[in-house]
């Protein structure tokens, strides 16, 4: 039996093999840090910021250089799990104006978009959206936005947390594509939960046929007389919609208050983005579950590229990262391991994890010893009555039925939880690899996650 690893004395972990990264993850276990967030003009306040404050927001983070509300119910009142109850049983509204909208518009908008994403932009019809990824020349995932095709010559990238707007402008700095690339004043909210359709019907009336609106379908509507685009989509796995308000700086109050009014009879609650529910659905969060040094195969996004070269999204045209990604795919097919760590799903012991993790908690092998991996997204699963998580462990070469990398279900590990969640302080808890998702989504293709 290996000697138990004492994470409480940890200063910096070097046993996790991150030698394939230029900038390794900081695996110091510093725990919560009591600081006051400085609200300054260096970080943008979204058009909905004051409305979130009115709704009771008590904490925030920074996302896309915008203040991002991340909590409305305080811990003494039940915390995030009260918000979880609202999204799985009723309907919720989220301030997600941090998802900057980058408009690509012009005669060669489609050609430009096709060059910067791994999927085939020509197959996205006007008034449809898709989940896409953008990779760098080395095959690293730069961003995983929702891409909205507003018209034949207009696309919006609804961004995850990174500087993709500036990146896209840089790609076209020499004007090689006949299109413009600009951030626009369009800010989304998400309406998520089983009563979302009923709320949206009351809000929109007969403007759109919600019964026949496809998943990732778009529609032009007015809310409180203000121009919006809506999408049947969301970051939760529950039924839901996104409302993209045009000229949001001018009309934020009008749209927001109209939603509140329509939501009264549906028990609408303003909450933070439901990371507990998105983890259950296996939905990744850029910057938390992957970054620009992770390639799609190691974070369960290989379907966005294709291993075979003949997949639905494979293209003969060039796109950023194609050579690197094709080589990785060929290496995987040949039984090689072109990277160190693979994202997997876990069920694990410990007391219920009912808040965000401040560190990447460490993972050791079944018999203990020094850490070999780390947890990225943990939370408590009330229906399963156990903790669940996504995290990285050494890639063992296991592939799923579609030939994509995954973790071997049933493989056991130990997870070093902080004292707050540990059943026996200083002693790691048992963990086992399970399939992702942990709970099915209302729309099964919310994200085409890897299953065994």
Protein backbone atom coordinates (compact mmCIF):
# COMPACT_ATOMS: atom_id res chain seq x y z
CA UNK A 1 0.00 0.00 0.00
CA UNK A 2 1.41 3.38 -0.99
CA UNK A 3 1.89 5.97 1.70
CA UNK A 4 -1.10 8.27 2.01
CA UNK A 5 -0.50 11.63 0.34
CA UNK A 6 -0.92 14.49 2.80
CA UNK A 7 -2.40 17.26 0.69
CA UNK A 8 -2.77 19.53 3.73
CA UNK A 9 0.99 20.19 3.65
CA UNK A 10 1.04 20.80 -0.07
CA UNK A 11 2.76 23.88 -1.44
CA UNK A 12 2.96 22.98 -5.11
CA UNK A 13 2.19 19.72 -6.94
CA UNK A 14 4.70 18.52 -9.52
CA UNK A 15 3.66 14.86 -9.59
CA UNK A 16 0.78 15.49 -12.01
CA UNK A 17 2.36 15.18 -15.45
CA UNK A 18 1.66 18.47 -17.22
CA UNK A 19 4.79 18.33 -19.36
CA UNK A 20 2.74 18.75 -22.54
CA UNK A 21 1.61 22.22 -21.39
CA UNK A 22 3.63 25.41 -21.74
CA UNK A 23 1.84 26.89 -18.71
CA UNK A 24 0.77 24.12 -16.29
CA UNK A 25 -2.30 24.50 -14.14
CA UNK A 26 -1.55 25.97 -10.73
CA UNK A 27 -2.39 23.05 -8.45
CA UNK A 28 -1.66 24.75 -5.14
CA UNK A 29 -4.53 24.12 -2.73
CA UNK A 30 -5.01 27.61 -1.34
CA UNK A 31 -8.71 27.22 -0.53
CA UNK A 32 -11.11 30.16 -0.23
CA UNK A 33 -9.40 33.53 -0.09
CA UNK A 34 -11.12 36.33 1.79
CA UNK A 35 -10.78 39.40 -0.38
CA UNK A 36 -13.05 42.22 -1.39
CA UNK A 37 -13.65 42.47 -5.13
CA UNK A 38 -12.68 45.89 -6.43
CA UNK A 39 -15.41 47.33 -8.63
CA UNK A 40 -13.59 49.63 -11.03
CA UNK A 41 -13.87 50.99 -14.54
CA UNK A 42 -11.29 48.48 -15.84
CA UNK A 43 -14.02 45.85 -15.83
CA UNK A 44 -17.31 46.44 -17.62
CA UNK A 45 -20.66 46.52 -15.85
CA UNK A 46 -23.20 44.91 -18.16
CA UNK A 47 -26.55 46.60 -18.93
CA UNK A 48 -28.18 44.13 -16.49
CA UNK A 49 -25.71 44.70 -13.62
CA UNK A 50 -27.99 47.00 -11.62
CA UNK A 51 -30.93 44.65 -12.24
CA UNK A 52 -28.96 41.73 -10.83
CA UNK A 53 -28.23 43.85 -7.75
CA UNK A 54 -31.93 44.56 -7.38
CA UNK A 55 -32.60 40.81 -7.64
CA UNK A 56 -30.32 40.14 -4.68
CA UNK A 57 -26.96 39.24 -6.22
CA UNK A 58 -24.46 38.99 -3.36
CA UNK A 59 -21.32 37.80 -5.12
CA UNK A 60 -19.74 38.04 -8.55
CA UNK A 61 -16.72 37.05 -10.54
CA UNK A 62 -15.18 38.42 -13.75
CA UNK A 63 -15.91 36.77 -17.09
CA UNK A 64 -14.96 38.22 -20.45
CA UNK A 65 -13.80 41.34 -18.56
CA UNK A 66 -17.36 41.92 -17.35
CA UNK A 67 -18.66 41.53 -13.80
CA UNK A 68 -20.59 38.26 -13.67
CA UNK A 69 -23.26 37.56 -10.99
CA UNK A 70 -22.60 34.14 -9.41
CA UNK A 71 -24.95 33.94 -6.45
CA UNK A 72 -28.35 35.26 -5.33
CA UNK A 73 -29.35 33.00 -2.42
CA UNK A 74 -26.93 33.37 0.48
CA UNK A 75 -25.50 30.25 2.18
CA UNK A 76 -27.48 30.87 5.38
CA UNK A 77 -30.67 30.74 3.28
CA UNK A 78 -29.78 27.53 1.46
CA UNK A 79 -27.31 28.85 -1.10
CA UNK A 80 -26.89 27.47 -4.59
CA UNK A 81 -29.01 24.38 -3.96
CA UNK A 82 -32.10 26.59 -3.54
CA UNK A 83 -31.30 27.92 -7.00
CA UNK A 84 -30.93 24.32 -8.19
CA UNK A 85 -34.43 23.52 -6.96
CA UNK A 86 -35.76 26.48 -8.93
CA UNK A 87 -34.21 25.38 -12.21
CA UNK A 88 -35.22 21.72 -12.04
CA UNK A 89 -38.78 22.38 -10.83
CA UNK A 90 -39.80 25.82 -12.07
CA UNK A 91 -38.11 28.44 -14.28
CA UNK A 92 -35.14 30.74 -13.85
CA UNK A 93 -33.59 33.80 -15.48
CA UNK A 94 -29.83 34.33 -15.66
CA UNK A 95 -27.88 37.47 -16.39
CA UNK A 96 -25.38 36.18 -18.96
CA UNK A 97 -24.54 39.49 -20.62
CA UNK A 98 -20.91 38.41 -20.12
CA UNK A 99 -21.37 36.33 -23.27
CA UNK A 100 -20.08 39.04 -25.59
CA UNK A 101 -21.60 38.95 -29.08
CA UNK A 102 -19.08 39.21 -31.93
CA UNK A 103 -20.79 39.94 -35.23
CA UNK A 104 -19.22 38.75 -38.48
CA UNK A 105 -21.03 40.35 -41.39
CA UNK A 106 -20.44 40.72 -45.11
CA UNK A 107 -20.27 38.83 -48.42
CA UNK A 108 -17.54 36.47 -47.13
CA UNK A 109 -18.84 36.07 -43.57
CA UNK A 110 -19.53 32.37 -44.12
CA UNK A 111 -16.07 31.81 -45.60
CA UNK A 112 -14.46 33.56 -42.64
CA UNK A 113 -16.48 31.64 -40.05
CA UNK A 114 -15.73 28.37 -41.83
CA UNK A 115 -12.02 29.13 -41.55
CA UNK A 116 -11.99 29.75 -37.79
CA UNK A 117 -14.26 26.90 -36.57
CA UNK A 118 -13.73 23.14 -36.89
CA UNK A 119 -17.31 22.40 -37.98
CA UNK A 120 -18.70 23.12 -41.44
CA UNK A 121 -20.25 26.58 -41.38
CA UNK A 122 -21.87 26.04 -44.79
CA UNK A 123 -24.22 23.48 -43.21
CA UNK A 124 -25.66 25.99 -40.74
CA UNK A 125 -28.85 27.45 -42.17
CA UNK A 126 -29.95 31.06 -41.56
CA UNK A 127 -31.88 31.41 -38.29
CA UNK A 128 -30.15 28.42 -36.76
CA UNK A 129 -27.45 28.17 -34.09
CA UNK A 130 -24.81 25.56 -33.32
CA UNK A 131 -22.34 24.75 -30.56
CA UNK A 132 -18.88 25.12 -32.12
CA UNK A 133 -15.22 25.27 -31.17
CA UNK A 134 -12.38 27.45 -32.40
CA UNK A 135 -8.85 26.03 -32.22
CA UNK A 136 -5.42 27.59 -32.53
CA UNK A 137 -2.71 26.41 -34.93
CA UNK A 138 -1.59 23.82 -32.37
CA UNK A 139 -5.05 22.29 -31.99
CA UNK A 140 -5.80 23.94 -28.64
CA UNK A 141 -9.39 24.96 -27.89
CA UNK A 142 -9.57 28.75 -27.93
CA UNK A 143 -13.29 29.00 -27.27
CA UNK A 144 -16.52 26.98 -27.44
CA UNK A 145 -19.25 29.51 -28.21
CA UNK A 146 -22.76 29.20 -29.51
CA UNK A 147 -22.68 30.39 -33.13
CA UNK A 148 -25.86 32.10 -34.33
CA UNK A 149 -26.46 32.47 -38.05
CA UNK A 150 -28.74 35.49 -38.28
CA UNK A 151 -28.83 35.62 -42.08
CA UNK A 152 -26.91 34.46 -45.13
CA UNK A 153 -24.18 37.03 -44.50
CA UNK A 154 -24.36 37.58 -40.73
CA UNK A 155 -23.16 35.43 -37.81
CA UNK A 156 -22.88 36.09 -34.07
CA UNK A 157 -20.33 34.34 -31.88
CA UNK A 158 -21.83 34.16 -28.38
CA UNK A 159 -18.58 33.86 -26.48
CA UNK A 160 -17.25 31.83 -23.62
CA UNK A 161 -14.66 33.46 -21.36
CA UNK A 162 -11.74 34.54 -23.58
CA UNK A 163 -10.56 37.30 -25.90
CA UNK A 164 -11.94 35.77 -29.07
CA UNK A 165 -13.33 39.08 -30.30
CA UNK A 166 -9.83 40.52 -30.57
CA UNK A 167 -8.53 37.22 -31.96
CA UNK A 168 -11.12 37.23 -34.75
CA UNK A 169 -10.29 40.81 -35.64
CA UNK A 170 -6.63 39.79 -35.78
CA UNK A 171 -7.36 36.89 -38.12
CA UNK A 172 -8.90 39.33 -40.59
CA UNK A 173 -6.55 42.26 -39.91
CA UNK A 174 -5.26 42.15 -43.50
CA UNK A 175 -8.79 42.10 -44.93
CA UNK A 176 -8.36 38.72 -46.60
CA UNK A 177 -12.07 38.06 -46.03
CA UNK A 178 -14.65 40.56 -47.25
CA UNK A 179 -16.48 40.99 -43.95
CA UNK A 180 -16.45 43.06 -40.79
CA UNK A 181 -15.77 41.71 -37.29
CA UNK A 182 -17.22 43.80 -34.48
CA UNK A 183 -18.61 43.40 -30.98
CA UNK A 184 -22.23 44.56 -30.94
CA UNK A 185 -24.53 45.83 -28.20
CA UNK A 186 -26.58 42.64 -27.94
CA UNK A 187 -26.75 41.03 -24.49
CA UNK A 188 -28.40 37.71 -23.59
CA UNK A 189 -30.34 36.39 -20.65
CA UNK A 190 -31.18 32.72 -20.28
CA UNK A 191 -34.63 31.42 -19.38
CA UNK A 192 -34.12 27.86 -18.11
CA UNK A 193 -36.30 25.25 -16.44
CA UNK A 194 -39.33 23.03 -17.13
CA UNK A 195 -41.71 26.02 -17.12
CA UNK A 196 -39.61 28.02 -19.60
CA UNK A 197 -41.84 27.35 -22.60
CA UNK A 198 -44.95 28.43 -20.70
CA UNK A 199 -43.22 31.64 -19.64
CA UNK A 200 -42.00 32.36 -23.17
CA UNK A 201 -45.51 31.81 -24.58
CA UNK A 202 -46.87 34.41 -22.17
CA UNK A 203 -43.99 36.75 -22.97
CA UNK A 204 -44.14 36.48 -26.77
CA UNK A 205 -47.78 35.69 -27.52
CA UNK A 206 -48.21 34.56 -31.12
CA UNK A 207 -44.96 36.05 -32.44
CA UNK A 208 -43.37 32.62 -32.81
CA UNK A 209 -44.54 28.99 -32.88
CA UNK A 210 -42.63 27.66 -29.88
CA UNK A 211 -44.21 24.21 -30.24
CA UNK A 212 -42.45 23.67 -33.57
CA UNK A 213 -39.27 25.62 -32.87
CA UNK A 214 -36.32 23.23 -33.25
CA UNK A 215 -33.48 22.98 -30.77
CA UNK A 216 -30.96 25.70 -31.68
CA UNK A 217 -33.67 27.36 -33.75
CA UNK A 218 -33.70 31.17 -33.85
CA UNK A 219 -36.50 33.71 -34.19
CA UNK A 220 -36.78 37.49 -34.46
CA UNK A 221 -39.17 38.82 -31.81
CA UNK A 222 -40.01 41.87 -29.75
CA UNK A 223 -40.01 41.86 -25.96
CA UNK A 224 -41.57 44.96 -24.39
CA UNK A 225 -41.42 46.50 -27.86
CA UNK A 226 -37.66 45.95 -28.12
CA UNK A 227 -35.91 43.97 -30.86
CA UNK A 228 -34.55 40.59 -29.77
CA UNK A 229 -33.34 37.30 -31.20
CA UNK A 230 -34.36 34.21 -29.27
CA UNK A 231 -32.80 30.77 -29.40
CA UNK A 232 -34.05 27.49 -27.99
CA UNK A 233 -30.84 26.64 -26.18
CA UNK A 234 -29.07 27.03 -22.86
CA UNK A 235 -26.25 26.10 -20.50
CA UNK A 236 -28.23 23.85 -18.20
CA UNK A 237 -29.54 20.64 -19.74
CA UNK A 238 -33.06 21.75 -18.81
CA UNK A 239 -35.60 23.06 -21.29
CA UNK A 240 -34.77 26.64 -22.04
CA UNK A 241 -34.30 29.68 -24.22
CA UNK A 242 -31.89 32.56 -24.65
CA UNK A 243 -33.06 36.11 -25.31
CA UNK A 244 -30.52 38.32 -27.09
CA UNK A 245 -31.59 41.93 -26.64
CA UNK A 246 -30.40 44.37 -29.31
CA UNK A 247 -29.28 47.82 -28.11
CA UNK A 248 -29.15 46.36 -24.62
CA UNK A 249 -27.42 49.40 -23.17
CA UNK A 250 -30.57 51.40 -23.94
CA UNK A 251 -33.34 48.88 -23.30
CA UNK A 252 -32.13 46.47 -20.61
CA UNK A 253 -34.77 47.48 -18.05
CA UNK A 254 -37.63 47.10 -20.54
CA UNK A 255 -36.82 43.53 -21.51
CA UNK A 256 -35.75 42.35 -18.03
CA UNK A 257 -38.87 43.70 -16.32
CA UNK A 258 -41.14 42.21 -18.98
CA UNK A 259 -39.65 38.80 -18.26
CA UNK A 260 -40.13 39.29 -14.52
CA UNK A 261 -43.76 40.22 -15.06
CA UNK A 262 -44.46 37.24 -17.34
CA UNK A 263 -42.70 34.94 -14.91
CA UNK A 264 -44.71 35.76 -11.81
CA UNK A 265 -47.28 33.00 -12.26
CA UNK A 266 -44.55 30.49 -13.17
CA UNK A 267 -42.47 30.96 -9.98
CA UNK A 268 -39.65 32.62 -11.93
CA UNK A 269 -36.47 33.08 -9.92
CA UNK A 270 -33.40 35.09 -10.92
CA UNK A 271 -30.38 32.86 -10.28
CA UNK A 272 -26.72 32.48 -11.17
CA UNK A 273 -25.80 30.30 -14.15
CA UNK A 274 -26.64 26.78 -13.00
CA UNK A 275 -23.23 25.10 -12.89
CA UNK A 276 -24.67 22.31 -10.73
CA UNK A 277 -27.08 21.43 -13.55
CA UNK A 278 -24.63 21.94 -16.41
CA UNK A 279 -22.17 19.57 -14.70
CA UNK A 280 -24.91 16.93 -14.52
CA UNK A 281 -25.49 17.42 -18.25
CA UNK A 282 -21.77 17.09 -19.01
CA UNK A 283 -21.61 20.61 -20.43
CA UNK A 284 -18.08 21.98 -20.34
CA UNK A 285 -17.08 25.42 -19.11
CA UNK A 286 -14.16 27.00 -20.97
CA UNK A 287 -11.44 28.13 -18.57
CA UNK A 288 -12.60 25.58 -16.01
CA UNK A 289 -12.81 22.24 -17.85
CA UNK A 290 -10.51 23.14 -20.74
CA UNK A 291 -8.42 25.97 -22.13
CA UNK A 292 -6.25 26.83 -25.13
CA UNK A 293 -3.72 24.13 -24.23
CA UNK A 294 -6.32 21.35 -24.28
CA UNK A 295 -7.09 19.73 -27.62
CA UNK A 296 -10.65 18.62 -28.45
CA UNK A 297 -9.92 14.90 -28.08
CA UNK A 298 -8.78 15.12 -24.49
CA UNK A 299 -11.81 17.11 -23.33
CA UNK A 300 -14.53 15.04 -25.04
CA UNK A 301 -14.97 17.37 -28.01
CA UNK A 302 -13.41 15.12 -30.65
CA UNK A 303 -16.76 14.81 -32.43
CA UNK A 304 -16.32 18.45 -33.43
CA UNK A 305 -13.32 17.43 -35.54
CA UNK A 306 -13.75 13.75 -36.55
CA UNK A 307 -11.15 11.03 -36.12
CA UNK A 308 -11.90 9.25 -39.38
CA UNK A 309 -11.52 12.17 -41.77
CA UNK A 310 -14.97 11.29 -43.12
CA UNK A 311 -17.14 12.58 -40.33
CA UNK A 312 -20.11 14.88 -40.67
CA UNK A 313 -18.02 17.90 -39.73
CA UNK A 314 -14.88 17.03 -41.71
CA UNK A 315 -14.00 19.58 -44.39
CA UNK A 316 -11.65 19.50 -47.35
CA UNK A 317 -11.19 23.27 -46.97
CA UNK A 318 -8.46 24.61 -44.71
CA UNK A 319 -9.27 25.84 -41.22
CA UNK A 320 -7.21 26.99 -38.26
CA UNK A 321 -5.67 24.00 -36.49
CA UNK A 322 -6.53 21.43 -39.17
CA UNK A 323 -3.04 19.95 -39.60
CA UNK A 324 -2.44 19.59 -35.87
CA UNK A 325 -5.87 18.09 -35.24
CA UNK A 326 -5.61 15.62 -38.11
CA UNK A 327 -2.24 14.42 -36.79
CA UNK A 328 -3.68 13.96 -33.29
CA UNK A 329 -6.59 12.01 -34.74
CA UNK A 330 -4.26 9.76 -36.73
CA UNK A 331 -2.09 9.14 -33.66
CA UNK A 332 -5.11 8.17 -31.57
CA UNK A 333 -6.36 5.79 -34.25
CA UNK A 334 -2.89 4.22 -34.32
CA UNK A 335 -3.03 3.58 -30.58
CA UNK A 336 -0.68 6.40 -29.60
CA UNK A 337 -1.23 8.82 -26.74
CA UNK A 338 -0.64 12.35 -28.09
CA UNK A 339 -1.37 14.04 -24.75
CA UNK A 340 -1.02 13.30 -21.04
CA UNK A 341 -4.42 13.72 -19.37
CA UNK A 342 -8.02 12.86 -20.34
CA UNK A 343 -11.20 14.51 -19.07
CA UNK A 344 -13.49 11.95 -17.38
CA UNK A 345 -16.56 11.83 -15.17
CA UNK A 346 -16.53 10.74 -11.52
CA UNK A 347 -18.83 9.77 -8.74
CA UNK A 348 -17.07 10.40 -5.45
CA UNK A 349 -17.55 10.32 -1.73
CA UNK A 350 -17.40 13.09 0.82
CA UNK A 351 -19.92 15.50 2.26
CA UNK A 352 -22.23 17.22 -0.28
CA UNK A 353 -20.34 19.74 -2.40
CA UNK A 354 -22.83 22.58 -2.69
CA UNK A 355 -20.69 25.47 -3.86
CA UNK A 356 -17.98 26.34 -6.35
CA UNK A 357 -14.56 24.80 -5.82
CA UNK A 358 -11.81 27.42 -5.29
CA UNK A 359 -9.05 24.97 -6.33
CA UNK A 360 -8.45 22.12 -8.74
CA UNK A 361 -8.73 19.37 -6.15
CA UNK A 362 -6.20 16.59 -6.52
CA UNK A 363 -6.64 13.00 -7.63
CA UNK A 364 -4.44 10.03 -6.69
CA UNK A 365 -4.52 6.44 -7.87
CA UNK A 366 -6.71 3.88 -6.08
CA UNK A 367 -3.93 2.93 -3.68
CA UNK A 368 -3.09 6.50 -2.81
CA UNK A 369 0.30 8.05 -3.42
CA UNK A 370 1.09 11.40 -4.97
CA UNK A 371 -1.50 13.09 -7.17
CA UNK A 372 -1.78 12.12 -10.84
CA UNK A 373 -4.70 14.35 -11.83
CA UNK A 374 -7.17 16.97 -10.70
CA UNK A 375 -10.88 17.79 -10.47
CA UNK A 376 -12.20 20.69 -12.57
CA UNK A 377 -15.98 20.78 -11.92
CA UNK A 378 -17.44 19.12 -8.80
CA UNK A 379 -20.92 19.37 -7.33
CA UNK A 380 -23.50 17.39 -5.37
CA UNK A 381 -26.10 15.44 -7.35
CA UNK A 382 -29.30 15.44 -5.23
CA UNK A 383 -31.05 12.72 -7.23
CA UNK A 384 -28.08 10.36 -7.12
CA UNK A 385 -27.33 11.43 -3.54
CA UNK A 386 -23.62 11.54 -4.26
CA UNK A 387 -20.98 13.98 -5.39
CA UNK A 388 -20.13 14.08 -9.09
CA UNK A 389 -17.29 15.75 -10.93
CA UNK A 390 -15.35 16.12 -14.12
CA UNK A 391 -11.59 15.99 -13.96
CA UNK A 392 -8.34 14.96 -15.62
CA UNK A 393 -6.47 11.70 -15.10
CA UNK A 394 -3.70 10.05 -17.14
CA UNK A 395 -4.96 8.99 -20.58
CA UNK A 396 -4.93 5.17 -20.69
CA UNK A 397 -5.80 4.82 -24.38
CA UNK A 398 -9.43 3.79 -23.81
CA UNK A 399 -11.78 4.68 -26.69
CA UNK A 400 -15.57 4.70 -26.77
CA UNK A 401 -17.77 2.90 -29.30
CA UNK A 402 -17.31 5.76 -31.76
CA UNK A 403 -13.54 5.59 -31.51
CA UNK A 404 -13.09 8.71 -29.40
CA UNK A 405 -10.91 8.89 -26.26
CA UNK A 406 -12.60 8.46 -22.88
CA UNK A 407 -11.89 7.14 -19.42
CA UNK A 408 -12.35 3.47 -18.58
CA UNK A 409 -15.61 3.24 -16.63
CA UNK A 410 -15.13 1.58 -13.26
CA UNK A 411 -11.51 2.69 -12.76
CA UNK A 412 -11.03 3.74 -9.15
CA UNK A 413 -9.16 6.73 -7.78
CA UNK A 414 -8.84 8.78 -4.61
CA UNK A 415 -9.82 12.46 -4.45
CA UNK A 416 -8.27 14.85 -1.91
CA UNK A 417 -11.16 17.02 -0.77
CA UNK A 418 -10.74 20.06 1.49
CA UNK A 419 -11.66 19.57 5.14
CA UNK A 420 -15.05 21.21 4.56
CA UNK A 421 -16.17 18.23 2.44
CA UNK A 422 -13.97 15.45 3.72
CA UNK A 423 -15.52 12.66 5.77
CA UNK A 424 -12.20 12.19 7.59
CA UNK A 425 -9.97 15.29 7.45
CA UNK A 426 -6.69 14.57 5.69
CA UNK A 427 -7.95 11.30 4.22
CA UNK A 428 -8.95 11.17 0.53
CA UNK A 429 -12.36 9.85 -0.55
CA UNK A 430 -13.11 7.06 -2.99
CA UNK A 431 -13.93 7.99 -6.59
CA UNK A 432 -14.83 5.94 -9.65
CA UNK A 433 -14.99 6.84 -13.34
CA UNK A 434 -18.54 6.89 -14.72
CA UNK A 435 -20.05 7.88 -18.02
CA UNK A 436 -20.85 11.51 -18.83
CA UNK A 437 -23.55 12.88 -18.73
CA UNK A 438 -24.59 12.23 -15.15
CA UNK A 439 -28.18 13.21 -15.96
CA UNK A 440 -29.84 13.36 -19.37
CA UNK A 441 -30.67 16.73 -20.89
CA UNK A 442 -34.09 17.91 -22.02
CA UNK A 443 -32.49 18.24 -25.44
CA UNK A 444 -30.17 15.28 -25.75
CA UNK A 445 -27.83 17.16 -28.09
CA UNK A 446 -27.36 20.19 -25.84
CA UNK A 447 -23.71 19.19 -26.13
CA UNK A 448 -22.82 16.00 -27.96
CA UNK A 449 -20.89 14.62 -25.00
CA UNK A 450 -18.88 11.42 -25.13
CA UNK A 451 -20.61 8.30 -23.89
CA UNK A 452 -19.32 4.76 -23.62
